[in-house]
Amino acid sequence: MQVFSRLVMGGAVLAALAGCSSIQDHRGYLIDQALIDSVQPGVDNKLSVERTLGRPTFVAQFGAPAWYYVSIDTRQAAFTRPQPKQQTILRITFDDAGNVSGIDKRGVEKVVRLDPDGHKTPTLGRDRSFLEDLFGNIGAVGAAGMGGPAQGGNTGTGPNGS
């Protein structure tokens, strides 16, 4: 009986430790340095870049024509948000004729962590309590002084007086 209880206790400890392990994940483009090095400014064009590297992660919508290849490796401990471990952003810019004019590579130093304040979106107007939101419109419809026909308000035959 003692051996069985030690086995159960050991299994429980191993299961608890397994929950503390980190999860590693890869998102985006799979970097192949040999393929990236084969793309040369002034030699390649959009078609040859697409055949060599594949379709870009996204294409610049404004400014100079550019293709972006994004690769992110993340690490996540139990009950936490994923943290970027390594990131590569490859930007290939093109001239007006569609030929490669430059290649730029950036890393994890460009990652910014945003932390919203208070987990609320500020709005214009006054702050109302839950009860004011719930009961705030009671009596507002058809209240006295709301511009009926005698006060020069809407006098039409439509459903809202128009």
C-alpha atoms as a PDB file:
ATOM      1  CA  MET A   1       0.000   0.000   0.000  1.00  0.00           C
ATOM      2  CA  GLN A   2       2.900   2.328   0.774  1.00  0.00           C
ATOM      3  CA  VAL A   3       4.467   1.737  -2.644  1.00  0.00           C
ATOM      4  CA  PHE A   4       1.185   2.541  -4.380  1.00  0.00           C
ATOM      5  CA  SER A   5       0.754   5.817  -2.463  1.00  0.00           C
ATOM      6  CA  ARG A   6       4.336   6.850  -3.306  1.00  0.00           C
ATOM      7  CA  LEU A   7       3.695   6.135  -6.994  1.00  0.00           C
ATOM      8  CA  VAL A   8       0.503   8.194  -6.943  1.00  0.00           C
ATOM      9  CA  MET A   9       2.292  11.035  -5.126  1.00  0.00           C
ATOM     10  CA  GLY A  10       5.201  10.913  -7.591  1.00  0.00           C
ATOM     11  CA  GLY A  11       2.787  11.007 -10.536  1.00  0.00           C
ATOM     12  CA  ALA A  12       0.997  14.012  -9.057  1.00  0.00           C
ATOM     13  CA  VAL A  13       4.314  15.848  -8.592  1.00  0.00           C
ATOM     14  CA  LEU A  14       5.338  15.107 -12.191  1.00  0.00           C
ATOM     15  CA  ALA A  15       1.957  16.300 -13.497  1.00  0.00           C
ATOM     16  CA  ALA A  16       2.286  19.535 -11.515  1.00  0.00           C
ATOM     17  CA  LEU A  17       5.799  20.130 -12.864  1.00  0.00           C
ATOM     18  CA  ALA A  18       4.636  19.466 -16.428  1.00  0.00           C
ATOM     19  CA  GLY A  19       2.153  22.326 -16.049  1.00  0.00           C
ATOM     20  CA  CYS A  20       5.050  24.695 -15.339  1.00  0.00           C
ATOM     21  CA  SER A  21       6.878  23.996 -18.586  1.00  0.00           C
ATOM     22  CA  SER A  22       6.946  26.679 -21.230  1.00  0.00           C
ATOM     23  CA  ILE A  23       5.322  26.443 -24.645  1.00  0.00           C
ATOM     24  CA  GLN A  24       7.393  27.512 -27.625  1.00  0.00           C
ATOM     25  CA  ASP A  25       5.675  28.499 -30.858  1.00  0.00           C
ATOM     26  CA  HIS A  26       6.641  29.803 -34.295  1.00  0.00           C
ATOM     27  CA  ARG A  27       4.427  32.121 -36.310  1.00  0.00           C
ATOM     28  CA  GLY A  28       4.876  33.492 -39.793  1.00  0.00           C
ATOM     29  CA  TYR A  29       7.578  33.047 -42.389  1.00  0.00           C
ATOM     30  CA  LEU A  30      10.172  30.273 -42.031  1.00  0.00           C
ATOM     31  CA  ILE A  31      13.553  31.956 -42.435  1.00  0.00           C
ATOM     32  CA  ASP A  32      16.050  30.345 -44.814  1.00  0.00           C
ATOM     33  CA  GLN A  33      19.176  32.500 -44.796  1.00  0.00           C
ATOM     34  CA  ALA A  34      20.509  30.997 -48.045  1.00  0.00           C
ATOM     35  CA  LEU A  35      17.341  32.016 -49.898  1.00  0.00           C
ATOM     36  CA  ILE A  36      17.393  35.500 -48.384  1.00  0.00           C
ATOM     37  CA  ASP A  37      21.040  35.955 -49.386  1.00  0.00           C
ATOM     38  CA  SER A  38      20.210  34.954 -52.957  1.00  0.00           C
ATOM     39  CA  VAL A  39      17.936  37.996 -53.427  1.00  0.00           C
ATOM     40  CA  GLN A  40      20.102  40.835 -54.786  1.00  0.00           C
ATOM     41  CA  PRO A  41      19.209  44.522 -55.255  1.00  0.00           C
ATOM     42  CA  GLY A  42      19.363  45.584 -58.895  1.00  0.00           C
ATOM     43  CA  VAL A  43      19.264  41.961 -60.107  1.00  0.00           C
ATOM     44  CA  ASP A  44      15.949  40.549 -58.910  1.00  0.00           C
ATOM     45  CA  ASN A  45      12.398  41.773 -59.507  1.00  0.00           C
ATOM     46  CA  LYS A  46       9.005  41.070 -57.880  1.00  0.00           C
ATOM     47  CA  LEU A  47       8.470  37.837 -59.815  1.00  0.00           C
ATOM     48  CA  SER A  48      11.897  36.388 -58.973  1.00  0.00           C
ATOM     49  CA  VAL A  49      11.520  37.373 -55.292  1.00  0.00           C
ATOM     50  CA  GLU A  50       8.131  35.662 -55.129  1.00  0.00           C
ATOM     51  CA  ARG A  51       9.558  32.529 -56.746  1.00  0.00           C
ATOM     52  CA  THR A  52      12.523  32.520 -54.346  1.00  0.00           C
ATOM     53  CA  LEU A  53      10.945  33.517 -51.020  1.00  0.00           C
ATOM     54  CA  GLY A  54       7.260  32.877 -51.650  1.00  0.00           C
ATOM     55  CA  ARG A  55       4.366  35.256 -51.107  1.00  0.00           C
ATOM     56  CA  PRO A  56       5.057  38.014 -48.580  1.00  0.00           C
ATOM     57  CA  THR A  57       3.398  38.179 -45.172  1.00  0.00           C
ATOM     58  CA  PHE A  58       2.031  41.582 -46.149  1.00  0.00           C
ATOM     59  CA  VAL A  59       2.569  44.307 -48.750  1.00  0.00           C
ATOM     60  CA  ALA A  60       3.028  48.002 -47.943  1.00  0.00           C
ATOM     61  CA  GLN A  61      -0.123  49.976 -48.704  1.00  0.00           C
ATOM     62  CA  PHE A  62       1.439  53.451 -48.505  1.00  0.00           C
ATOM     63  CA  GLY A  63       4.762  54.961 -49.480  1.00  0.00           C
ATOM     64  CA  ALA A  64       7.422  53.109 -51.428  1.00  0.00           C
ATOM     65  CA  PRO A  65       6.458  49.645 -52.711  1.00  0.00           C
ATOM     66  CA  ALA A  66       7.712  47.073 -50.204  1.00  0.00           C
ATOM     67  CA  TRP A  67       7.118  43.457 -49.257  1.00  0.00           C
ATOM     68  CA  TYR A  68       7.421  42.259 -45.667  1.00  0.00           C
ATOM     69  CA  TYR A  69       8.253  38.754 -44.464  1.00  0.00           C
ATOM     70  CA  VAL A  70       7.583  38.411 -40.712  1.00  0.00           C
ATOM     71  CA  SER A  71       8.803  35.569 -38.499  1.00  0.00           C
ATOM     72  CA  ILE A  72       8.163  35.402 -34.717  1.00  0.00           C
ATOM     73  CA  ASP A  73       9.267  32.788 -32.187  1.00  0.00           C
ATOM     74  CA  THR A  74       7.401  33.037 -28.884  1.00  0.00           C
ATOM     75  CA  ARG A  75       7.704  31.465 -25.462  1.00  0.00           C
ATOM     76  CA  GLN A  76       4.809  31.159 -23.014  1.00  0.00           C
ATOM     77  CA  ALA A  77       4.853  29.959 -19.425  1.00  0.00           C
ATOM     78  CA  ALA A  78       1.703  28.539 -17.851  1.00  0.00           C
ATOM     79  CA  PHE A  79      -1.086  31.133 -17.352  1.00  0.00           C
ATOM     80  CA  THR A  80       0.882  33.973 -18.981  1.00  0.00           C
ATOM     81  CA  ARG A  81       0.835  35.747 -22.313  1.00  0.00           C
ATOM     82  CA  PRO A  82       3.248  34.690 -25.051  1.00  0.00           C
ATOM     83  CA  GLN A  83       6.501  36.680 -25.009  1.00  0.00           C
ATOM     84  CA  PRO A  84       8.526  37.200 -28.211  1.00  0.00           C
ATOM     85  CA  LYS A  85      11.822  35.338 -27.981  1.00  0.00           C
ATOM     86  CA  GLN A  86      13.058  36.076 -31.481  1.00  0.00           C
ATOM     87  CA  GLN A  87      11.583  38.125 -34.302  1.00  0.00           C
ATOM     88  CA  THR A  88      12.754  38.825 -37.820  1.00  0.00           C
ATOM     89  CA  ILE A  89      11.167  41.322 -40.179  1.00  0.00           C
ATOM     90  CA  LEU A  90      12.568  41.201 -43.688  1.00  0.00           C
ATOM     91  CA  ARG A  91      11.625  44.199 -45.842  1.00  0.00           C
ATOM     92  CA  ILE A  92      12.279  44.154 -49.553  1.00  0.00           C
ATOM     93  CA  THR A  93      11.741  47.494 -51.307  1.00  0.00           C
ATOM     94  CA  PHE A  94      11.150  47.902 -55.019  1.00  0.00           C
ATOM     95  CA  ASP A  95      11.629  50.780 -57.453  1.00  0.00           C
ATOM     96  CA  ASP A  96       8.908  51.985 -59.826  1.00  0.00           C
ATOM     97  CA  ALA A  97       9.890  49.382 -62.448  1.00  0.00           C
ATOM     98  CA  GLY A  98       9.422  46.514 -59.960  1.00  0.00           C
ATOM     99  CA  ASN A  99      13.119  45.764 -59.441  1.00  0.00           C
ATOM    100  CA  VAL A 100      14.557  45.170 -55.948  1.00  0.00           C
ATOM    101  CA  SER A 101      16.084  48.392 -54.642  1.00  0.00           C
ATOM    102  CA  GLY A 102      16.922  47.348 -51.092  1.00  0.00           C
ATOM    103  CA  ILE A 103      16.757  44.645 -48.439  1.00  0.00           C
ATOM    104  CA  ASP A 104      16.395  45.494 -44.758  1.00  0.00           C
ATOM    105  CA  LYS A 105      16.293  43.094 -41.810  1.00  0.00           C
ATOM    106  CA  ARG A 106      15.187  43.951 -38.272  1.00  0.00           C
ATOM    107  CA  GLY A 107      14.894  41.921 -35.110  1.00  0.00           C
ATOM    108  CA  VAL A 108      13.236  41.717 -31.710  1.00  0.00           C
ATOM    109  CA  GLU A 109      14.425  45.212 -30.732  1.00  0.00           C
ATOM    110  CA  LYS A 110      11.385  46.622 -32.573  1.00  0.00           C
ATOM    111  CA  VAL A 111       8.837  44.708 -30.447  1.00  0.00           C
ATOM    112  CA  VAL A 112       6.708  47.000 -28.283  1.00  0.00           C
ATOM    113  CA  ARG A 113       4.506  45.750 -25.469  1.00  0.00           C
ATOM    114  CA  LEU A 114       1.322  47.762 -25.083  1.00  0.00           C
ATOM    115  CA  ASP A 115      -0.480  47.709 -21.759  1.00  0.00           C
ATOM    116  CA  PRO A 116      -3.859  49.483 -21.798  1.00  0.00           C
ATOM    117  CA  ASP A 117      -4.597  51.506 -18.687  1.00  0.00           C
ATOM    118  CA  GLY A 118      -7.554  50.353 -16.619  1.00  0.00           C
ATOM    119  CA  HIS A 119      -8.871  47.887 -19.193  1.00  0.00           C
ATOM    120  CA  LYS A 120     -11.491  50.491 -20.225  1.00  0.00           C
ATOM    121  CA  THR A 121     -11.878  52.714 -23.238  1.00  0.00           C
ATOM    122  CA  PRO A 122     -12.376  56.348 -22.199  1.00  0.00           C
ATOM    123  CA  THR A 123     -15.429  58.006 -23.735  1.00  0.00           C
ATOM    124  CA  LEU A 124     -16.673  61.549 -23.938  1.00  0.00           C
ATOM    125  CA  GLY A 125     -19.578  62.567 -21.759  1.00  0.00           C
ATOM    126  CA  ARG A 126     -20.403  61.985 -18.143  1.00  0.00           C
ATOM    127  CA  ASP A 127     -19.692  58.895 -16.098  1.00  0.00           C
ATOM    128  CA  ARG A 128     -22.884  57.072 -15.191  1.00  0.00           C
ATOM    129  CA  SER A 129     -23.377  54.341 -12.648  1.00  0.00           C
ATOM    130  CA  PHE A 130     -24.893  50.968 -13.451  1.00  0.00           C
ATOM    131  CA  LEU A 131     -28.279  52.014 -12.081  1.00  0.00           C
ATOM    132  CA  GLU A 132     -28.253  55.254 -14.092  1.00  0.00           C
ATOM    133  CA  ASP A 133     -27.558  53.225 -17.242  1.00  0.00           C
ATOM    134  CA  LEU A 134     -30.310  50.783 -16.378  1.00  0.00           C
ATOM    135  CA  PHE A 135     -33.040  53.259 -15.394  1.00  0.00           C
ATOM    136  CA  GLY A 136     -31.817  56.469 -17.070  1.00  0.00           C
ATOM    137  CA  ASN A 137     -34.392  56.575 -19.888  1.00  0.00           C
ATOM    138  CA  ILE A 138     -37.481  55.965 -17.773  1.00  0.00           C
ATOM    139  CA  GLY A 139     -39.797  58.930 -18.256  1.00  0.00           C
ATOM    140  CA  ALA A 140     -37.724  60.470 -21.060  1.00  0.00           C
ATOM    141  CA  VAL A 141     -40.124  59.412 -23.830  1.00  0.00           C
ATOM    142  CA  GLY A 142     -43.179  61.634 -23.993  1.00  0.00           C
ATOM    143  CA  ALA A 143     -42.099  63.770 -21.059  1.00  0.00           C
ATOM    144  CA  ALA A 144     -43.672  67.209 -20.614  1.00  0.00           C
ATOM    145  CA  GLY A 145     -42.006  70.027 -22.500  1.00  0.00           C
ATOM    146  CA  MET A 146     -40.640  67.791 -25.243  1.00  0.00           C
ATOM    147  CA  GLY A 147     -42.039  69.876 -28.101  1.00  0.00           C
ATOM    148  CA  GLY A 148     -45.564  68.655 -28.838  1.00  0.00           C
ATOM    149  CA  PRO A 149     -47.870  70.408 -31.348  1.00  0.00           C
ATOM    150  CA  ALA A 150     -48.841  73.131 -28.902  1.00  0.00           C
ATOM    151  CA  GLN A 151     -45.196  74.090 -28.399  1.00  0.00           C
ATOM    152  CA  GLY A 152     -44.309  74.241 -32.096  1.00  0.00           C
ATOM    153  CA  GLY A 153     -42.879  70.729 -32.285  1.00  0.00           C
ATOM    154  CA  ASN A 154     -43.468  68.094 -34.942  1.00  0.00           C
ATOM    155  CA  THR A 155     -47.035  68.182 -36.240  1.00  0.00           C
ATOM    156  CA  GLY A 156     -46.942  65.662 -39.103  1.00  0.00           C
ATOM    157  CA  THR A 157     -49.074  62.537 -39.445  1.00  0.00           C
ATOM    158  CA  GLY A 158     -46.136  60.108 -39.437  1.00  0.00           C
ATOM    159  CA  PRO A 159     -45.423  57.706 -36.556  1.00  0.00           C
ATOM    160  CA  ASN A 160     -42.916  60.093 -34.999  1.00  0.00           C
ATOM    161  CA  GLY A 161     -44.808  63.282 -35.836  1.00  0.00           C
ATOM    162  CA  SER A 162     -42.837  64.059 -38.966  1.00  0.00           C
END
